[in-house]
Amino acid sequence: MSNPTLNFRHLYYFWVVAKEGGITRAARRLDVAVQTISMQLAQLEKAVGKTLFAPQGRRIVLTEAGRLALGYADQIFMLGEQLEEALAEEDIGRSMRLTVGISDSLPKLIAYRLLETALLMPQRLRIECYDGEFEALLADLALHRLDVVLTDRPVAPGTSLRVFSHELGDCKIGLFGAQALVTQYKSRFPGCLQGAPVLLPTRNNILRARLDQWFERNGLRPNIVGEFEDHALLMTFGRNGLGMFPAPMPLEADIRERFHAAPVGELTDVREYYYAVSAEMKIRHPAVEAILSVPHAGIFSDVFEKIVMAGDLPEK
């Protein structure tokens, strides 16, 4: 049971002291007396039954309990700041905010495609997108810092986090290249890939294992000239002709326009899968519901293109 004597003003003073690195600086920032800060800290430590700061020479440092408390205080006051921002918006009630985590292994053009249904909602939507590693994004989702995570993999079975994976769709993967590489290799695909320059995701990327298996099945050993954790960076290097690179076939038109690259050939039986991961909540975000409402197999089909063009979203 939580301690009913915990005072959030005391917690706020503790948070400022920790952030400022000392009581004197915190008192200056808060425009209060040093004695006031010391008294508030003492009352907080009495309420929680733990020492939060310990002397170290002429300084004070956080104890283990203090570091734990600071982590929670960060979350509390970050949410408080977000609440103030949300309530200050003039169009409150007429718009909603969607905070999205995008796995760094997910092609950004795919991320946009997955968000299109939410963007077509009649209610005005403000999107905040954060790019990062899959595990870090899941932690933020579990703490409700994010509304949804878009990724290329489901959550591992047995995780302690209360989150759910929703498969959104899949698509074929092709090997793309700058025009000079297309001219050199396309006519002899896939045999031409023996010793040919390629750019691949790093080995912690789930697609990499499928690519390696495809090369092995076809008896091919390409020259891997670069490995990239971030897919956008991989495609940027590919645009400049360093090597051929894998990308979703449905994005061919976008890749031609933005990266001046064209398909060298399709990697038969290699597919990439896309997921939305949401927190376990009784009330879901309407925009997340819109993302999940699209038929799984249809995200990259002609039917989906027509839905997007017409703005006729399927109802739950």
C-alpha atoms as a PDB file:
ATOM      1  CA  MET A   1       0.000   0.000   0.000  1.00  0.00           C
ATOM      2  CA  SER A   2       1.290   3.493  -0.831  1.00  0.00           C
ATOM      3  CA  ASN A   3       2.285   5.839   1.983  1.00  0.00           C
ATOM      4  CA  PRO A   4      -0.519   8.435   2.484  1.00  0.00           C
ATOM      5  CA  THR A   5       1.962  10.962   3.927  1.00  0.00           C
ATOM      6  CA  LEU A   6       3.935  11.292   0.659  1.00  0.00           C
ATOM      7  CA  ASN A   7       3.765  14.949  -0.350  1.00  0.00           C
ATOM      8  CA  PHE A   8       4.355  15.846  -4.000  1.00  0.00           C
ATOM      9  CA  ARG A   9       5.763  19.263  -3.093  1.00  0.00           C
ATOM     10  CA  HIS A  10       8.439  17.498  -1.053  1.00  0.00           C
ATOM     11  CA  LEU A  11       9.041  15.179  -4.009  1.00  0.00           C
ATOM     12  CA  TYR A  12       9.326  18.145  -6.352  1.00  0.00           C
ATOM     13  CA  TYR A  13      11.951  19.812  -4.131  1.00  0.00           C
ATOM     14  CA  PHE A  14      13.881  16.522  -4.037  1.00  0.00           C
ATOM     15  CA  TRP A  15      13.689  16.322  -7.867  1.00  0.00           C
ATOM     16  CA  VAL A  16      15.023  19.858  -8.317  1.00  0.00           C
ATOM     17  CA  VAL A  17      17.896  19.234  -5.873  1.00  0.00           C
ATOM     18  CA  ALA A  18      18.840  16.072  -7.775  1.00  0.00           C
ATOM     19  CA  LYS A  19      18.668  17.869 -11.131  1.00  0.00           C
ATOM     20  CA  GLU A  20      20.579  20.947  -9.932  1.00  0.00           C
ATOM     21  CA  GLY A  21      23.215  18.883  -8.142  1.00  0.00           C
ATOM     22  CA  GLY A  22      22.915  20.581  -4.746  1.00  0.00           C
ATOM     23  CA  ILE A  23      20.628  22.280  -2.266  1.00  0.00           C
ATOM     24  CA  THR A  24      22.048  25.786  -2.766  1.00  0.00           C
ATOM     25  CA  ARG A  25      21.505  25.760  -6.520  1.00  0.00           C
ATOM     26  CA  ALA A  26      18.026  24.262  -6.042  1.00  0.00           C
ATOM     27  CA  ALA A  27      17.130  27.011  -3.559  1.00  0.00           C
ATOM     28  CA  ARG A  28      18.291  29.630  -6.064  1.00  0.00           C
ATOM     29  CA  ARG A  29      16.201  28.077  -8.839  1.00  0.00           C
ATOM     30  CA  LEU A  30      13.101  27.809  -6.645  1.00  0.00           C
ATOM     31  CA  ASP A  31      13.710  31.197  -5.008  1.00  0.00           C
ATOM     32  CA  VAL A  32      13.374  29.788  -1.499  1.00  0.00           C
ATOM     33  CA  ALA A  33      15.679  29.565   1.500  1.00  0.00           C
ATOM     34  CA  VAL A  34      18.218  26.743   1.791  1.00  0.00           C
ATOM     35  CA  GLN A  35      16.654  25.836   5.137  1.00  0.00           C
ATOM     36  CA  THR A  36      13.275  25.380   3.441  1.00  0.00           C
ATOM     37  CA  ILE A  37      14.769  22.904   0.974  1.00  0.00           C
ATOM     38  CA  SER A  38      16.528  20.984   3.758  1.00  0.00           C
ATOM     39  CA  MET A  39      13.321  20.771   5.767  1.00  0.00           C
ATOM     40  CA  GLN A  40      11.314  19.531   2.778  1.00  0.00           C
ATOM     41  CA  LEU A  41      13.904  16.831   2.049  1.00  0.00           C
ATOM     42  CA  ALA A  42      13.909  15.695   5.663  1.00  0.00           C
ATOM     43  CA  GLN A  43      10.119  15.392   5.607  1.00  0.00           C
ATOM     44  CA  LEU A  44      10.239  13.378   2.381  1.00  0.00           C
ATOM     45  CA  GLU A  45      12.862  10.991   3.774  1.00  0.00           C
ATOM     46  CA  LYS A  46      10.745  10.543   6.897  1.00  0.00           C
ATOM     47  CA  ALA A  47       7.675   9.785   4.763  1.00  0.00           C
ATOM     48  CA  VAL A  48       9.401   7.140   2.632  1.00  0.00           C
ATOM     49  CA  GLY A  49      11.584   5.766   5.403  1.00  0.00           C
ATOM     50  CA  LYS A  50      14.758   5.956   3.313  1.00  0.00           C
ATOM     51  CA  THR A  51      17.799   8.230   3.090  1.00  0.00           C
ATOM     52  CA  LEU A  52      17.776   9.782  -0.387  1.00  0.00           C
ATOM     53  CA  PHE A  53      20.990  11.814  -0.263  1.00  0.00           C
ATOM     54  CA  ALA A  54      24.340  11.079   1.360  1.00  0.00           C
ATOM     55  CA  PRO A  55      27.229  13.511   2.005  1.00  0.00           C
ATOM     56  CA  GLN A  56      30.337  13.129  -0.147  1.00  0.00           C
ATOM     57  CA  GLY A  57      32.936  15.686   0.837  1.00  0.00           C
ATOM     58  CA  ARG A  58      31.303  19.100   0.431  1.00  0.00           C
ATOM     59  CA  ARG A  59      28.665  17.675  -1.890  1.00  0.00           C
ATOM     60  CA  ILE A  60      25.641  15.451  -1.528  1.00  0.00           C
ATOM     61  CA  VAL A  61      25.007  12.476  -3.809  1.00  0.00           C
ATOM     62  CA  LEU A  62      22.016  10.250  -4.383  1.00  0.00           C
ATOM     63  CA  THR A  63      21.815   6.991  -2.461  1.00  0.00           C
ATOM     64  CA  GLU A  64      20.535   3.850  -4.146  1.00  0.00           C
ATOM     65  CA  ALA A  65      17.061   4.684  -2.827  1.00  0.00           C
ATOM     66  CA  GLY A  66      17.508   8.229  -4.105  1.00  0.00           C
ATOM     67  CA  ARG A  67      18.351   7.017  -7.597  1.00  0.00           C
ATOM     68  CA  LEU A  68      15.254   4.824  -7.578  1.00  0.00           C
ATOM     69  CA  ALA A  69      13.100   7.723  -6.379  1.00  0.00           C
ATOM     70  CA  LEU A  70      14.573  10.020  -9.044  1.00  0.00           C
ATOM     71  CA  GLY A  71      13.524   7.621 -11.808  1.00  0.00           C
ATOM     72  CA  TYR A  72       9.921   7.771 -10.648  1.00  0.00           C
ATOM     73  CA  ALA A  73      10.071  11.521 -10.079  1.00  0.00           C
ATOM     74  CA  ASP A  74      11.313  11.993 -13.653  1.00  0.00           C
ATOM     75  CA  GLN A  75       8.253  10.158 -14.955  1.00  0.00           C
ATOM     76  CA  ILE A  76       5.838  12.027 -12.670  1.00  0.00           C
ATOM     77  CA  PHE A  77       7.032  15.526 -13.530  1.00  0.00           C
ATOM     78  CA  MET A  78       7.533  14.752 -17.223  1.00  0.00           C
ATOM     79  CA  LEU A  79       3.869  13.700 -17.359  1.00  0.00           C
ATOM     80  CA  GLY A  80       2.974  16.853 -15.437  1.00  0.00           C
ATOM     81  CA  GLU A  81       4.693  19.004 -18.053  1.00  0.00           C
ATOM     82  CA  GLN A  82       2.909  17.129 -20.832  1.00  0.00           C
ATOM     83  CA  LEU A  83      -0.403  17.672 -19.043  1.00  0.00           C
ATOM     84  CA  GLU A  84       0.225  21.414 -18.856  1.00  0.00           C
ATOM     85  CA  GLU A  85       1.096  21.516 -22.566  1.00  0.00           C
ATOM     86  CA  ALA A  86      -1.994  19.511 -23.495  1.00  0.00           C
ATOM     87  CA  LEU A  87      -4.354  21.677 -21.449  1.00  0.00           C
ATOM     88  CA  ALA A  88      -2.775  24.852 -22.829  1.00  0.00           C
ATOM     89  CA  GLU A  89      -3.598  23.994 -26.425  1.00  0.00           C
ATOM     90  CA  GLU A  90      -6.313  26.197 -27.855  1.00  0.00           C
ATOM     91  CA  ASP A  91      -7.949  23.426 -29.879  1.00  0.00           C
ATOM     92  CA  ILE A  92      -8.268  21.008 -26.959  1.00  0.00           C
ATOM     93  CA  GLY A  93     -11.231  18.727 -27.515  1.00  0.00           C
ATOM     94  CA  ARG A  94     -10.965  19.111 -31.276  1.00  0.00           C
ATOM     95  CA  SER A  95      -7.620  17.339 -31.638  1.00  0.00           C
ATOM     96  CA  MET A  96      -5.725  14.412 -30.164  1.00  0.00           C
ATOM     97  CA  ARG A  97      -2.084  13.543 -29.700  1.00  0.00           C
ATOM     98  CA  LEU A  98      -0.541  10.253 -30.833  1.00  0.00           C
ATOM     99  CA  THR A  99       2.912   9.429 -29.495  1.00  0.00           C
ATOM    100  CA  VAL A 100       4.588   6.790 -31.652  1.00  0.00           C
ATOM    101  CA  GLY A 101       7.809   4.865 -31.154  1.00  0.00           C
ATOM    102  CA  ILE A 102       9.393   3.691 -34.412  1.00  0.00           C
ATOM    103  CA  SER A 103      11.954   0.910 -34.260  1.00  0.00           C
ATOM    104  CA  ASP A 104      15.229   1.965 -35.895  1.00  0.00           C
ATOM    105  CA  SER A 105      15.149  -1.221 -37.991  1.00  0.00           C
ATOM    106  CA  LEU A 106      11.786  -0.331 -39.536  1.00  0.00           C
ATOM    107  CA  PRO A 107      11.954   1.447 -42.925  1.00  0.00           C
ATOM    108  CA  LYS A 108      10.661   4.966 -42.358  1.00  0.00           C
ATOM    109  CA  LEU A 109       8.606   4.876 -45.548  1.00  0.00           C
ATOM    110  CA  ILE A 110       6.865   1.779 -44.156  1.00  0.00           C
ATOM    111  CA  ALA A 111       6.257   3.593 -40.865  1.00  0.00           C
ATOM    112  CA  TYR A 112       4.502   6.373 -42.730  1.00  0.00           C
ATOM    113  CA  ARG A 113       2.400   3.844 -44.642  1.00  0.00           C
ATOM    114  CA  LEU A 114       1.369   2.185 -41.369  1.00  0.00           C
ATOM    115  CA  LEU A 115       0.310   5.550 -39.916  1.00  0.00           C
ATOM    116  CA  GLU A 116      -1.754   6.648 -42.912  1.00  0.00           C
ATOM    117  CA  THR A 117      -5.034   5.314 -41.552  1.00  0.00           C
ATOM    118  CA  ALA A 118      -4.616   7.396 -38.387  1.00  0.00           C
ATOM    119  CA  LEU A 119      -3.788  10.482 -40.445  1.00  0.00           C
ATOM    120  CA  LEU A 120      -7.075  10.067 -42.340  1.00  0.00           C
ATOM    121  CA  MET A 121      -9.215  10.202 -39.201  1.00  0.00           C
ATOM    122  CA  PRO A 122     -11.766  13.045 -39.213  1.00  0.00           C
ATOM    123  CA  GLN A 123     -10.460  14.321 -35.867  1.00  0.00           C
ATOM    124  CA  ARG A 124      -7.358  16.510 -36.040  1.00  0.00           C
ATOM    125  CA  LEU A 125      -4.301  14.514 -35.028  1.00  0.00           C
ATOM    126  CA  ARG A 126      -0.937  15.662 -33.723  1.00  0.00           C
ATOM    127  CA  ILE A 127       1.744  12.987 -34.087  1.00  0.00           C
ATOM    128  CA  GLU A 128       4.941  12.793 -32.065  1.00  0.00           C
ATOM    129  CA  CYS A 129       7.405  10.221 -33.438  1.00  0.00           C
ATOM    130  CA  TYR A 130      10.437   8.870 -31.609  1.00  0.00           C
ATOM    131  CA  ASP A 131      13.035   6.636 -33.266  1.00  0.00           C
ATOM    132  CA  GLY A 132      14.981   4.171 -31.141  1.00  0.00           C
ATOM    133  CA  GLU A 133      15.985   0.624 -30.294  1.00  0.00           C
ATOM    134  CA  PHE A 134      13.179  -1.902 -29.972  1.00  0.00           C
ATOM    135  CA  GLU A 135      13.758  -2.790 -26.304  1.00  0.00           C
ATOM    136  CA  ALA A 136      14.039   0.839 -25.197  1.00  0.00           C
ATOM    137  CA  LEU A 137      10.806   1.726 -27.003  1.00  0.00           C
ATOM    138  CA  LEU A 138       8.999  -1.186 -25.333  1.00  0.00           C
ATOM    139  CA  ALA A 139      10.111   0.089 -21.928  1.00  0.00           C
ATOM    140  CA  ASP A 140       8.736   3.544 -22.742  1.00  0.00           C
ATOM    141  CA  LEU A 141       5.489   1.954 -23.954  1.00  0.00           C
ATOM    142  CA  ALA A 142       5.110  -0.008 -20.730  1.00  0.00           C
ATOM    143  CA  LEU A 143       5.560   3.262 -18.799  1.00  0.00           C
ATOM    144  CA  HIS A 144       2.889   4.880 -21.011  1.00  0.00           C
ATOM    145  CA  ARG A 145       5.320   7.378 -22.482  1.00  0.00           C
ATOM    146  CA  LEU A 146       4.263   6.062 -25.897  1.00  0.00           C
ATOM    147  CA  ASP A 147       0.851   5.154 -27.271  1.00  0.00           C
ATOM    148  CA  VAL A 148       2.117   2.571 -29.758  1.00  0.00           C
ATOM    149  CA  VAL A 149       5.364   1.133 -31.132  1.00  0.00           C
ATOM    150  CA  LEU A 150       5.727   0.287 -34.830  1.00  0.00           C
ATOM    151  CA  THR A 151       8.296  -2.421 -35.494  1.00  0.00           C
ATOM    152  CA  ASP A 152       9.351  -5.327 -37.693  1.00  0.00           C
ATOM    153  CA  ARG A 153       9.134  -7.969 -34.974  1.00  0.00           C
ATOM    154  CA  PRO A 154       6.651  -9.168 -32.344  1.00  0.00           C
ATOM    155  CA  VAL A 155       7.346  -8.990 -28.642  1.00  0.00           C
ATOM    156  CA  ALA A 156       9.186 -12.100 -27.451  1.00  0.00           C
ATOM    157  CA  PRO A 157       6.998 -14.667 -25.646  1.00  0.00           C
ATOM    158  CA  GLY A 158       7.299 -14.627 -21.880  1.00  0.00           C
ATOM    159  CA  THR A 159       8.198 -10.958 -21.571  1.00  0.00           C
ATOM    160  CA  SER A 160       7.402  -9.367 -18.226  1.00  0.00           C
ATOM    161  CA  LEU A 161       6.108  -6.222 -19.937  1.00  0.00           C
ATOM    162  CA  ARG A 162       2.347  -5.891 -20.250  1.00  0.00           C
ATOM    163  CA  VAL A 163       2.274  -5.209 -23.983  1.00  0.00           C
ATOM    164  CA  PHE A 164       0.598  -6.820 -26.998  1.00  0.00           C
ATOM    165  CA  SER A 165       1.841  -7.413 -30.546  1.00  0.00           C
ATOM    166  CA  HIS A 166      -0.586  -6.905 -33.449  1.00  0.00           C
ATOM    167  CA  GLU A 167       0.494  -8.080 -36.894  1.00  0.00           C
ATOM    168  CA  LEU A 168      -0.264  -5.367 -39.441  1.00  0.00           C
ATOM    169  CA  GLY A 169       0.971  -6.961 -42.645  1.00  0.00           C
ATOM    170  CA  ASP A 170       3.927  -8.173 -44.626  1.00  0.00           C
ATOM    171  CA  CYS A 171       5.523  -7.553 -48.006  1.00  0.00           C
ATOM    172  CA  LYS A 172       8.074  -8.915 -50.451  1.00  0.00           C
ATOM    173  CA  ILE A 173      11.695  -7.804 -50.286  1.00  0.00           C
ATOM    174  CA  GLY A 174      13.816  -6.910 -53.290  1.00  0.00           C
ATOM    175  CA  LEU A 175      17.405  -5.901 -53.849  1.00  0.00           C
ATOM    176  CA  PHE A 176      17.752  -2.313 -55.065  1.00  0.00           C
ATOM    177  CA  GLY A 177      20.691  -0.382 -56.431  1.00  0.00           C
ATOM    178  CA  ALA A 178      21.824   2.814 -58.095  1.00  0.00           C
ATOM    179  CA  GLN A 179      21.479   2.843 -61.877  1.00  0.00           C
ATOM    180  CA  ALA A 180      25.060   1.769 -62.551  1.00  0.00           C
ATOM    181  CA  LEU A 181      24.602  -1.312 -60.361  1.00  0.00           C
ATOM    182  CA  VAL A 182      21.240  -2.132 -61.952  1.00  0.00           C
ATOM    183  CA  THR A 183      22.825  -1.987 -65.414  1.00  0.00           C
ATOM    184  CA  GLN A 184      25.699  -4.201 -64.317  1.00  0.00           C
ATOM    185  CA  TYR A 185      23.821  -6.893 -62.402  1.00  0.00           C
ATOM    186  CA  LYS A 186      20.110  -7.059 -63.299  1.00  0.00           C
ATOM    187  CA  SER A 187      20.337  -9.281 -66.380  1.00  0.00           C
ATOM    188  CA  ARG A 188      22.131 -12.071 -64.493  1.00  0.00           C
ATOM    189  CA  PHE A 189      20.140 -11.964 -61.233  1.00  0.00           C
ATOM    190  CA  PRO A 190      20.482 -13.753 -58.843  1.00  0.00           C
ATOM    191  CA  GLY A 191      23.679 -15.512 -59.929  1.00  0.00           C
ATOM    192  CA  CYS A 192      25.323 -12.117 -60.428  1.00  0.00           C
ATOM    193  CA  LEU A 193      25.310 -11.591 -56.648  1.00  0.00           C
ATOM    194  CA  GLN A 194      28.277 -13.913 -56.187  1.00  0.00           C
ATOM    195  CA  GLY A 195      30.979 -11.513 -54.954  1.00  0.00           C
ATOM    196  CA  ALA A 196      28.808  -8.482 -55.754  1.00  0.00           C
ATOM    197  CA  PRO A 197      28.753  -5.486 -53.352  1.00  0.00           C
ATOM    198  CA  VAL A 198      25.759  -5.456 -51.000  1.00  0.00           C
ATOM    199  CA  LEU A 199      24.665  -3.455 -47.983  1.00  0.00           C
ATOM    200  CA  LEU A 200      22.841  -5.373 -45.264  1.00  0.00           C
ATOM    201  CA  PRO A 201      21.187  -4.761 -41.885  1.00  0.00           C
ATOM    202  CA  THR A 202      23.270  -5.669 -38.845  1.00  0.00           C
ATOM    203  CA  ARG A 203      22.902  -9.189 -37.432  1.00  0.00           C
ATOM    204  CA  ASN A 204      20.568  -8.078 -34.628  1.00  0.00           C
ATOM    205  CA  ASN A 205      17.987  -7.173 -37.287  1.00  0.00           C
ATOM    206  CA  ILE A 206      15.380  -9.900 -37.795  1.00  0.00           C
ATOM    207  CA  LEU A 207      15.459  -9.431 -41.592  1.00  0.00           C
ATOM    208  CA  ARG A 208      19.194 -10.127 -41.688  1.00  0.00           C
ATOM    209  CA  ALA A 209      18.689 -13.778 -40.737  1.00  0.00           C
ATOM    210  CA  ARG A 210      16.204 -14.227 -43.588  1.00  0.00           C
ATOM    211  CA  LEU A 211      18.616 -12.604 -46.049  1.00  0.00           C
ATOM    212  CA  ASP A 212      21.520 -14.790 -44.915  1.00  0.00           C
ATOM    213  CA  GLN A 213      19.348 -17.894 -45.300  1.00  0.00           C
ATOM    214  CA  TRP A 214      18.314 -16.811 -48.812  1.00  0.00           C
ATOM    215  CA  PHE A 215      21.937 -16.317 -49.876  1.00  0.00           C
ATOM    216  CA  GLU A 216      22.825 -19.727 -48.442  1.00  0.00           C
ATOM    217  CA  ARG A 217      19.917 -21.502 -50.176  1.00  0.00           C
ATOM    218  CA  ASN A 218      21.001 -20.019 -53.488  1.00  0.00           C
ATOM    219  CA  GLY A 219      24.687 -20.816 -52.940  1.00  0.00           C
ATOM    220  CA  LEU A 220      25.681 -17.157 -53.055  1.00  0.00           C
ATOM    221  CA  ARG A 221      28.392 -15.307 -51.139  1.00  0.00           C
ATOM    222  CA  PRO A 222      28.093 -11.586 -51.861  1.00  0.00           C
ATOM    223  CA  ASN A 223      30.688  -9.018 -50.838  1.00  0.00           C
ATOM    224  CA  ILE A 224      29.165  -7.337 -47.775  1.00  0.00           C
ATOM    225  CA  VAL A 225      30.649  -3.851 -47.946  1.00  0.00           C
ATOM    226  CA  GLY A 226      28.512  -2.331 -45.191  1.00  0.00           C
ATOM    227  CA  GLU A 227      26.208  -3.268 -42.297  1.00  0.00           C
ATOM    228  CA  PHE A 228      23.765  -0.767 -40.822  1.00  0.00           C
ATOM    229  CA  GLU A 229      21.518  -0.742 -37.776  1.00  0.00           C
ATOM    230  CA  ASP A 230      19.463   2.165 -39.083  1.00  0.00           C
ATOM    231  CA  HIS A 231      17.561   1.373 -42.278  1.00  0.00           C
ATOM    232  CA  ALA A 232      17.441   4.988 -43.468  1.00  0.00           C
ATOM    233  CA  LEU A 233      21.237   5.175 -43.260  1.00  0.00           C
ATOM    234  CA  LEU A 234      21.551   1.905 -45.186  1.00  0.00           C
ATOM    235  CA  MET A 235      19.414   3.301 -48.016  1.00  0.00           C
ATOM    236  CA  THR A 236      21.359   6.569 -48.037  1.00  0.00           C
ATOM    237  CA  PHE A 237      24.613   4.690 -48.622  1.00  0.00           C
ATOM    238  CA  GLY A 238      22.840   2.607 -51.259  1.00  0.00           C
ATOM    239  CA  ARG A 239      21.672   5.739 -53.014  1.00  0.00           C
ATOM    240  CA  ASN A 240      25.301   6.753 -53.467  1.00  0.00           C
ATOM    241  CA  GLY A 241      26.197   3.479 -55.174  1.00  0.00           C
ATOM    242  CA  LEU A 242      28.217   1.783 -52.446  1.00  0.00           C
ATOM    243  CA  GLY A 243      26.287  -1.446 -52.938  1.00  0.00           C
ATOM    244  CA  MET A 244      22.914  -3.043 -53.570  1.00  0.00           C
ATOM    245  CA  PHE A 245      20.506  -2.988 -50.623  1.00  0.00           C
ATOM    246  CA  PRO A 246      17.310  -4.800 -49.527  1.00  0.00           C
ATOM    247  CA  ALA A 247      14.048  -2.857 -49.351  1.00  0.00           C
ATOM    248  CA  PRO A 248      10.292  -3.560 -49.491  1.00  0.00           C
ATOM    249  CA  MET A 249       9.080  -4.056 -53.062  1.00  0.00           C
ATOM    250  CA  PRO A 250       5.823  -2.057 -52.532  1.00  0.00           C
ATOM    251  CA  LEU A 251       7.993   1.033 -51.938  1.00  0.00           C
ATOM    252  CA  GLU A 252       9.589   0.838 -55.386  1.00  0.00           C
ATOM    253  CA  ALA A 253       8.087   4.140 -56.571  1.00  0.00           C
ATOM    254  CA  ASP A 254       9.198   5.980 -53.416  1.00  0.00           C
ATOM    255  CA  ILE A 255      12.691   4.464 -53.586  1.00  0.00           C
ATOM    256  CA  ARG A 256      13.071   5.479 -57.223  1.00  0.00           C
ATOM    257  CA  GLU A 257      12.038   9.048 -56.421  1.00  0.00           C
ATOM    258  CA  ARG A 258      13.841   9.600 -53.127  1.00  0.00           C
ATOM    259  CA  PHE A 259      16.902   7.385 -53.458  1.00  0.00           C
ATOM    260  CA  HIS A 260      17.351   7.217 -57.252  1.00  0.00           C
ATOM    261  CA  ALA A 261      17.527   3.440 -57.012  1.00  0.00           C
ATOM    262  CA  ALA A 262      15.690   0.686 -58.870  1.00  0.00           C
ATOM    263  CA  PRO A 263      15.096  -3.044 -58.289  1.00  0.00           C
ATOM    264  CA  VAL A 264      17.869  -5.386 -59.352  1.00  0.00           C
ATOM    265  CA  GLY A 265      15.711  -8.401 -58.533  1.00  0.00           C
ATOM    266  CA  GLU A 266      13.191  -9.815 -56.086  1.00  0.00           C
ATOM    267  CA  LEU A 267      14.403 -12.048 -53.249  1.00  0.00           C
ATOM    268  CA  THR A 268      11.982 -14.953 -53.637  1.00  0.00           C
ATOM    269  CA  ASP A 269      10.424 -16.164 -50.361  1.00  0.00           C
ATOM    270  CA  VAL A 270      11.974 -13.328 -48.338  1.00  0.00           C
ATOM    271  CA  ARG A 271       9.309 -11.230 -46.639  1.00  0.00           C
ATOM    272  CA  GLU A 272       9.300  -8.591 -43.945  1.00  0.00           C
ATOM    273  CA  TYR A 273       6.566  -8.459 -41.305  1.00  0.00           C
ATOM    274  CA  TYR A 274       5.245  -5.389 -39.520  1.00  0.00           C
ATOM    275  CA  TYR A 275       3.668  -5.023 -36.101  1.00  0.00           C
ATOM    276  CA  ALA A 276       2.047  -2.482 -33.849  1.00  0.00           C
ATOM    277  CA  VAL A 277       2.784  -3.038 -30.165  1.00  0.00           C
ATOM    278  CA  SER A 278       0.366  -1.496 -27.688  1.00  0.00           C
ATOM    279  CA  ALA A 279       0.161  -1.382 -23.912  1.00  0.00           C
ATOM    280  CA  GLU A 280      -2.447  -3.395 -22.077  1.00  0.00           C
ATOM    281  CA  MET A 281      -5.075  -0.740 -21.388  1.00  0.00           C
ATOM    282  CA  LYS A 282      -8.856  -0.951 -21.005  1.00  0.00           C
ATOM    283  CA  ILE A 283      -9.343   2.206 -23.096  1.00  0.00           C
ATOM    284  CA  ARG A 284      -7.352   2.262 -26.321  1.00  0.00           C
ATOM    285  CA  HIS A 285      -6.239   5.347 -28.165  1.00  0.00           C
ATOM    286  CA  PRO A 286      -8.659   5.981 -31.098  1.00  0.00           C
ATOM    287  CA  ALA A 287      -5.741   6.547 -33.488  1.00  0.00           C
ATOM    288  CA  VAL A 288      -4.158   3.236 -32.438  1.00  0.00           C
ATOM    289  CA  GLU A 289      -7.512   1.569 -33.065  1.00  0.00           C
ATOM    290  CA  ALA A 290      -7.525   3.091 -36.561  1.00  0.00           C
ATOM    291  CA  ILE A 291      -4.051   1.680 -37.265  1.00  0.00           C
ATOM    292  CA  LEU A 292      -5.127  -1.781 -36.100  1.00  0.00           C
ATOM    293  CA  SER A 293      -8.400  -1.654 -38.060  1.00  0.00           C
ATOM    294  CA  VAL A 294      -6.818  -2.188 -41.496  1.00  0.00           C
ATOM    295  CA  PRO A 295      -7.026  -5.822 -42.726  1.00  0.00           C
ATOM    296  CA  HIS A 296      -3.676  -7.436 -41.959  1.00  0.00           C
ATOM    297  CA  ALA A 297      -3.019  -8.813 -45.405  1.00  0.00           C
ATOM    298  CA  GLY A 298      -4.123  -5.651 -47.166  1.00  0.00           C
ATOM    299  CA  ILE A 299      -1.751  -2.976 -45.983  1.00  0.00           C
ATOM    300  CA  PHE A 300       0.378  -3.068 -49.104  1.00  0.00           C
ATOM    301  CA  SER A 301      -2.280  -4.214 -51.541  1.00  0.00           C
ATOM    302  CA  ASP A 302      -4.138  -2.311 -54.238  1.00  0.00           C
ATOM    303  CA  VAL A 303      -7.227  -2.458 -52.008  1.00  0.00           C
ATOM    304  CA  PHE A 304      -5.425  -0.560 -49.280  1.00  0.00           C
ATOM    305  CA  GLU A 305      -4.225   2.024 -51.790  1.00  0.00           C
ATOM    306  CA  LYS A 306      -7.852   2.639 -52.796  1.00  0.00           C
ATOM    307  CA  ILE A 307      -8.930   2.899 -49.155  1.00  0.00           C
ATOM    308  CA  VAL A 308      -6.232   5.496 -48.473  1.00  0.00           C
ATOM    309  CA  MET A 309      -7.056   7.495 -51.596  1.00  0.00           C
ATOM    310  CA  ALA A 310     -10.769   7.538 -50.778  1.00  0.00           C
ATOM    311  CA  GLY A 311     -10.330   8.116 -47.043  1.00  0.00           C
ATOM    312  CA  ASP A 312     -12.850   5.315 -46.448  1.00  0.00           C
ATOM    313  CA  LEU A 313     -11.462   3.615 -43.352  1.00  0.00           C
ATOM    314  CA  PRO A 314     -12.911   0.303 -42.180  1.00  0.00           C
ATOM    315  CA  GLU A 315     -14.993   0.460 -39.012  1.00  0.00           C
ATOM    316  CA  LYS A 316     -14.240  -1.597 -35.953  1.00  0.00           C
END
